[in-house]
């Protein structure tokens, strides 16, 4: 009799366990579903990383082109300063020295321009005598101010530099 009661109590416990967890009885394929979800998440992370890398590469390329045009424009402005330093000034100026800034009047020829490429150019604008606060000593050379512009273009990028320059003559 005790053996029969034990069997009945064991069967009742087993039935109670099955009632509490009805979804755990059939677990076939659940690992496959979890593995597929993990693969989809990892694939999306890989695609996002690849896209980010491509964008960063484009940014680096654009920065390189911008720096190249900036340094070329600076070189053109420094070349113009060198030309002004060696030029003999008088009442008339060279054709590329302007009295007002003119977008179309850039120096694109001459012995100094040959050291620059065809997309790099310079110009100078005469700003007039500098106000130095000195007396009106007529024997002393006057200081004149210029604005120097250097410009470079490369691959849809353009940089322009403006420098101030003073020369006594």
C-alpha atoms as a PDB file:
ATOM      1  CA  UNK A   1       0.000   0.000   0.000  1.00  0.00           C
ATOM      2  CA  UNK A   2       2.763   2.385   0.802  1.00  0.00           C
ATOM      3  CA  UNK A   3       4.366   1.574  -2.516  1.00  0.00           C
ATOM      4  CA  UNK A   4       1.139   2.426  -4.323  1.00  0.00           C
ATOM      5  CA  UNK A   5       0.857   5.718  -2.442  1.00  0.00           C
ATOM      6  CA  UNK A   6       4.418   6.581  -3.359  1.00  0.00           C
ATOM      7  CA  UNK A   7       3.741   5.920  -7.037  1.00  0.00           C
ATOM      8  CA  UNK A   8       0.585   8.038  -6.920  1.00  0.00           C
ATOM      9  CA  UNK A   9       2.391  10.910  -5.196  1.00  0.00           C
ATOM     10  CA  UNK A  10       5.238  10.704  -7.758  1.00  0.00           C
ATOM     11  CA  UNK A  11       2.774  10.821 -10.657  1.00  0.00           C
ATOM     12  CA  UNK A  12       0.951  13.766  -9.071  1.00  0.00           C
ATOM     13  CA  UNK A  13       4.227  15.686  -8.658  1.00  0.00           C
ATOM     14  CA  UNK A  14       5.087  15.031 -12.298  1.00  0.00           C
ATOM     15  CA  UNK A  15       1.656  16.282 -13.427  1.00  0.00           C
ATOM     16  CA  UNK A  16       2.007  19.416 -11.259  1.00  0.00           C
ATOM     17  CA  UNK A  17       5.435  20.165 -12.780  1.00  0.00           C
ATOM     18  CA  UNK A  18       4.055  19.864 -16.299  1.00  0.00           C
ATOM     19  CA  UNK A  19       1.189  22.228 -15.444  1.00  0.00           C
ATOM     20  CA  UNK A  20       3.631  24.846 -14.104  1.00  0.00           C
ATOM     21  CA  UNK A  21       5.956  24.831 -17.172  1.00  0.00           C
ATOM     22  CA  UNK A  22       3.933  23.848 -20.222  1.00  0.00           C
ATOM     23  CA  UNK A  23       6.329  25.599 -22.670  1.00  0.00           C
ATOM     24  CA  UNK A  24       9.398  23.739 -21.530  1.00  0.00           C
ATOM     25  CA  UNK A  25       8.120  20.384 -22.682  1.00  0.00           C
ATOM     26  CA  UNK A  26       9.036  21.005 -26.369  1.00  0.00           C
ATOM     27  CA  UNK A  27      12.400  22.859 -26.669  1.00  0.00           C
ATOM     28  CA  UNK A  28      13.401  21.500 -30.078  1.00  0.00           C
ATOM     29  CA  UNK A  29      14.849  24.281 -32.363  1.00  0.00           C
ATOM     30  CA  UNK A  30      15.150  27.067 -29.782  1.00  0.00           C
ATOM     31  CA  UNK A  31      18.960  27.079 -30.062  1.00  0.00           C
ATOM     32  CA  UNK A  32      18.657  27.536 -33.822  1.00  0.00           C
ATOM     33  CA  UNK A  33      16.416  30.587 -33.387  1.00  0.00           C
ATOM     34  CA  UNK A  34      18.801  32.164 -30.849  1.00  0.00           C
ATOM     35  CA  UNK A  35      21.787  31.488 -33.138  1.00  0.00           C
ATOM     36  CA  UNK A  36      20.011  33.131 -36.104  1.00  0.00           C
ATOM     37  CA  UNK A  37      19.151  36.217 -34.051  1.00  0.00           C
ATOM     38  CA  UNK A  38      22.804  36.534 -32.965  1.00  0.00           C
ATOM     39  CA  UNK A  39      23.972  36.175 -36.595  1.00  0.00           C
ATOM     40  CA  UNK A  40      21.580  38.916 -37.763  1.00  0.00           C
ATOM     41  CA  UNK A  41      22.798  41.270 -35.010  1.00  0.00           C
ATOM     42  CA  UNK A  42      26.463  40.598 -35.882  1.00  0.00           C
ATOM     43  CA  UNK A  43      25.757  41.138 -39.598  1.00  0.00           C
ATOM     44  CA  UNK A  44      24.128  44.511 -38.878  1.00  0.00           C
ATOM     45  CA  UNK A  45      27.107  45.531 -36.721  1.00  0.00           C
ATOM     46  CA  UNK A  46      29.483  44.578 -39.545  1.00  0.00           C
ATOM     47  CA  UNK A  47      27.545  46.618 -42.098  1.00  0.00           C
ATOM     48  CA  UNK A  48      27.497  49.632 -39.773  1.00  0.00           C
ATOM     49  CA  UNK A  49      31.259  49.365 -39.179  1.00  0.00           C
ATOM     50  CA  UNK A  50      31.946  49.147 -42.931  1.00  0.00           C
ATOM     51  CA  UNK A  51      29.794  52.205 -43.663  1.00  0.00           C
ATOM     52  CA  UNK A  52      31.491  54.193 -40.918  1.00  0.00           C
ATOM     53  CA  UNK A  53      34.917  53.250 -42.284  1.00  0.00           C
ATOM     54  CA  UNK A  54      33.964  54.369 -45.805  1.00  0.00           C
ATOM     55  CA  UNK A  55      32.716  57.735 -44.528  1.00  0.00           C
ATOM     56  CA  UNK A  56      35.869  58.277 -42.452  1.00  0.00           C
ATOM     57  CA  UNK A  57      37.998  57.508 -45.525  1.00  0.00           C
ATOM     58  CA  UNK A  58      36.095  60.112 -47.558  1.00  0.00           C
ATOM     59  CA  UNK A  59      36.545  62.687 -44.782  1.00  0.00           C
ATOM     60  CA  UNK A  60      40.290  62.017 -44.666  1.00  0.00           C
ATOM     61  CA  UNK A  61      40.536  62.420 -48.444  1.00  0.00           C
ATOM     62  CA  UNK A  62      38.642  65.723 -48.370  1.00  0.00           C
ATOM     63  CA  UNK A  63      40.858  66.993 -45.558  1.00  0.00           C
ATOM     64  CA  UNK A  64      43.970  66.077 -47.550  1.00  0.00           C
ATOM     65  CA  UNK A  65      42.729  67.997 -50.614  1.00  0.00           C
ATOM     66  CA  UNK A  66      41.806  71.012 -48.464  1.00  0.00           C
ATOM     67  CA  UNK A  67      45.245  71.071 -46.854  1.00  0.00           C
ATOM     68  CA  UNK A  68      46.922  70.810 -50.260  1.00  0.00           C
ATOM     69  CA  UNK A  69      44.950  73.780 -51.620  1.00  0.00           C
ATOM     70  CA  UNK A  70      45.590  75.770 -48.442  1.00  0.00           C
ATOM     71  CA  UNK A  71      49.366  75.238 -48.632  1.00  0.00           C
ATOM     72  CA  UNK A  72      49.402  76.016 -52.367  1.00  0.00           C
ATOM     73  CA  UNK A  73      47.509  79.267 -51.760  1.00  0.00           C
ATOM     74  CA  UNK A  74      49.949  80.137 -48.986  1.00  0.00           C
ATOM     75  CA  UNK A  75      52.884  79.398 -51.290  1.00  0.00           C
ATOM     76  CA  UNK A  76      51.378  81.687 -53.945  1.00  0.00           C
ATOM     77  CA  UNK A  77      50.928  84.511 -51.422  1.00  0.00           C
ATOM     78  CA  UNK A  78      54.507  84.092 -50.210  1.00  0.00           C
ATOM     79  CA  UNK A  79      55.692  84.088 -53.841  1.00  0.00           C
ATOM     80  CA  UNK A  80      53.845  87.373 -54.361  1.00  0.00           C
ATOM     81  CA  UNK A  81      55.541  88.840 -51.276  1.00  0.00           C
ATOM     82  CA  UNK A  82      58.882  87.760 -52.717  1.00  0.00           C
ATOM     83  CA  UNK A  83      58.041  89.440 -56.037  1.00  0.00           C
ATOM     84  CA  UNK A  84      57.001  92.656 -54.265  1.00  0.00           C
ATOM     85  CA  UNK A  85      60.175  92.614 -52.184  1.00  0.00           C
ATOM     86  CA  UNK A  86      62.383  92.400 -55.249  1.00  0.00           C
ATOM     87  CA  UNK A  87      60.321  94.812 -57.395  1.00  0.00           C
ATOM     88  CA  UNK A  88      61.393  98.378 -57.985  1.00  0.00           C
ATOM     89  CA  UNK A  89      58.475 100.549 -57.007  1.00  0.00           C
ATOM     90  CA  UNK A  90      57.636 103.935 -58.376  1.00  0.00           C
ATOM     91  CA  UNK A  91      54.553 105.857 -59.326  1.00  0.00           C
ATOM     92  CA  UNK A  92      53.360 103.058 -61.602  1.00  0.00           C
ATOM     93  CA  UNK A  93      52.768  99.438 -60.666  1.00  0.00           C
ATOM     94  CA  UNK A  94      53.021  96.180 -62.533  1.00  0.00           C
ATOM     95  CA  UNK A  95      49.849  95.131 -64.351  1.00  0.00           C
ATOM     96  CA  UNK A  96      48.954  92.568 -61.713  1.00  0.00           C
ATOM     97  CA  UNK A  97      49.027  95.053 -58.815  1.00  0.00           C
ATOM     98  CA  UNK A  98      45.539  96.479 -58.436  1.00  0.00           C
ATOM     99  CA  UNK A  99      44.132  99.532 -56.744  1.00  0.00           C
ATOM    100  CA  UNK A 100      41.006  97.544 -55.797  1.00  0.00           C
ATOM    101  CA  UNK A 101      40.478  93.828 -55.379  1.00  0.00           C
ATOM    102  CA  UNK A 102      39.543  92.357 -58.747  1.00  0.00           C
ATOM    103  CA  UNK A 103      38.520  88.695 -58.883  1.00  0.00           C
ATOM    104  CA  UNK A 104      39.586  88.443 -62.534  1.00  0.00           C
ATOM    105  CA  UNK A 105      43.022  90.090 -62.336  1.00  0.00           C
ATOM    106  CA  UNK A 106      45.385  87.372 -61.097  1.00  0.00           C
ATOM    107  CA  UNK A 107      49.013  86.989 -62.068  1.00  0.00           C
ATOM    108  CA  UNK A 108      49.206  83.809 -64.117  1.00  0.00           C
ATOM    109  CA  UNK A 109      52.452  84.378 -66.021  1.00  0.00           C
ATOM    110  CA  UNK A 110      55.949  85.654 -65.503  1.00  0.00           C
ATOM    111  CA  UNK A 111      59.187  84.204 -64.209  1.00  0.00           C
ATOM    112  CA  UNK A 112      57.903  83.742 -60.648  1.00  0.00           C
ATOM    113  CA  UNK A 113      54.587  82.183 -61.649  1.00  0.00           C
ATOM    114  CA  UNK A 114      56.355  79.311 -63.428  1.00  0.00           C
ATOM    115  CA  UNK A 115      57.223  77.801 -60.034  1.00  0.00           C
ATOM    116  CA  UNK A 116      53.470  77.496 -59.304  1.00  0.00           C
ATOM    117  CA  UNK A 117      51.006  75.198 -61.073  1.00  0.00           C
ATOM    118  CA  UNK A 118      48.249  76.438 -63.395  1.00  0.00           C
ATOM    119  CA  UNK A 119      45.545  76.347 -60.686  1.00  0.00           C
ATOM    120  CA  UNK A 120      47.585  78.460 -58.269  1.00  0.00           C
ATOM    121  CA  UNK A 121      47.813  82.226 -58.675  1.00  0.00           C
ATOM    122  CA  UNK A 122      48.449  85.438 -56.786  1.00  0.00           C
ATOM    123  CA  UNK A 123      47.668  89.128 -56.904  1.00  0.00           C
ATOM    124  CA  UNK A 124      48.383  92.230 -54.853  1.00  0.00           C
ATOM    125  CA  UNK A 125      46.198  95.222 -54.029  1.00  0.00           C
ATOM    126  CA  UNK A 126      47.739  98.587 -53.224  1.00  0.00           C
ATOM    127  CA  UNK A 127      46.113  99.901 -50.040  1.00  0.00           C
ATOM    128  CA  UNK A 128      47.962 103.238 -49.982  1.00  0.00           C
ATOM    129  CA  UNK A 129      50.509 104.824 -47.674  1.00  0.00           C
ATOM    130  CA  UNK A 130      50.647 103.337 -44.195  1.00  0.00           C
ATOM    131  CA  UNK A 131      49.761 105.479 -41.213  1.00  0.00           C
ATOM    132  CA  UNK A 132      52.931 105.137 -39.164  1.00  0.00           C
ATOM    133  CA  UNK A 133      52.379 108.127 -36.918  1.00  0.00           C
ATOM    134  CA  UNK A 134      55.713 109.657 -37.929  1.00  0.00           C
ATOM    135  CA  UNK A 135      56.381 113.265 -38.790  1.00  0.00           C
ATOM    136  CA  UNK A 136      56.219 114.597 -42.314  1.00  0.00           C
ATOM    137  CA  UNK A 137      59.911 114.060 -43.033  1.00  0.00           C
ATOM    138  CA  UNK A 138      60.007 114.286 -46.836  1.00  0.00           C
ATOM    139  CA  UNK A 139      63.527 112.834 -47.122  1.00  0.00           C
ATOM    140  CA  UNK A 140      62.516 109.573 -45.518  1.00  0.00           C
ATOM    141  CA  UNK A 141      60.957 106.826 -47.650  1.00  0.00           C
ATOM    142  CA  UNK A 142      57.257 106.351 -47.099  1.00  0.00           C
ATOM    143  CA  UNK A 143      55.840 103.011 -46.086  1.00  0.00           C
ATOM    144  CA  UNK A 144      53.174 101.651 -48.413  1.00  0.00           C
ATOM    145  CA  UNK A 145      50.676  98.903 -47.607  1.00  0.00           C
ATOM    146  CA  UNK A 146      49.587  96.052 -49.852  1.00  0.00           C
ATOM    147  CA  UNK A 147      47.116  93.213 -49.488  1.00  0.00           C
ATOM    148  CA  UNK A 148      48.468  90.019 -50.992  1.00  0.00           C
ATOM    149  CA  UNK A 149      46.140  87.261 -52.140  1.00  0.00           C
ATOM    150  CA  UNK A 150      47.099  83.696 -52.945  1.00  0.00           C
ATOM    151  CA  UNK A 151      44.575  81.302 -54.464  1.00  0.00           C
ATOM    152  CA  UNK A 152      44.624  77.594 -55.287  1.00  0.00           C
ATOM    153  CA  UNK A 153      42.010  75.235 -56.715  1.00  0.00           C
ATOM    154  CA  UNK A 154      42.092  71.445 -56.747  1.00  0.00           C
ATOM    155  CA  UNK A 155      39.341  68.807 -57.042  1.00  0.00           C
ATOM    156  CA  UNK A 156      36.326  70.993 -56.208  1.00  0.00           C
ATOM    157  CA  UNK A 157      38.246  72.670 -53.389  1.00  0.00           C
ATOM    158  CA  UNK A 158      39.383  76.281 -53.353  1.00  0.00           C
ATOM    159  CA  UNK A 159      41.489  78.107 -50.775  1.00  0.00           C
ATOM    160  CA  UNK A 160      42.405  81.762 -50.694  1.00  0.00           C
ATOM    161  CA  UNK A 161      44.895  83.454 -48.376  1.00  0.00           C
ATOM    162  CA  UNK A 162      45.136  87.181 -47.689  1.00  0.00           C
ATOM    163  CA  UNK A 163      48.327  88.654 -46.223  1.00  0.00           C
ATOM    164  CA  UNK A 164      49.203  92.178 -45.228  1.00  0.00           C
ATOM    165  CA  UNK A 165      52.476  93.529 -46.625  1.00  0.00           C
ATOM    166  CA  UNK A 166      54.376  96.789 -46.109  1.00  0.00           C
ATOM    167  CA  UNK A 167      57.216  98.176 -48.186  1.00  0.00           C
ATOM    168  CA  UNK A 168      59.180 101.395 -47.871  1.00  0.00           C
ATOM    169  CA  UNK A 169      60.013 103.300 -51.072  1.00  0.00           C
END
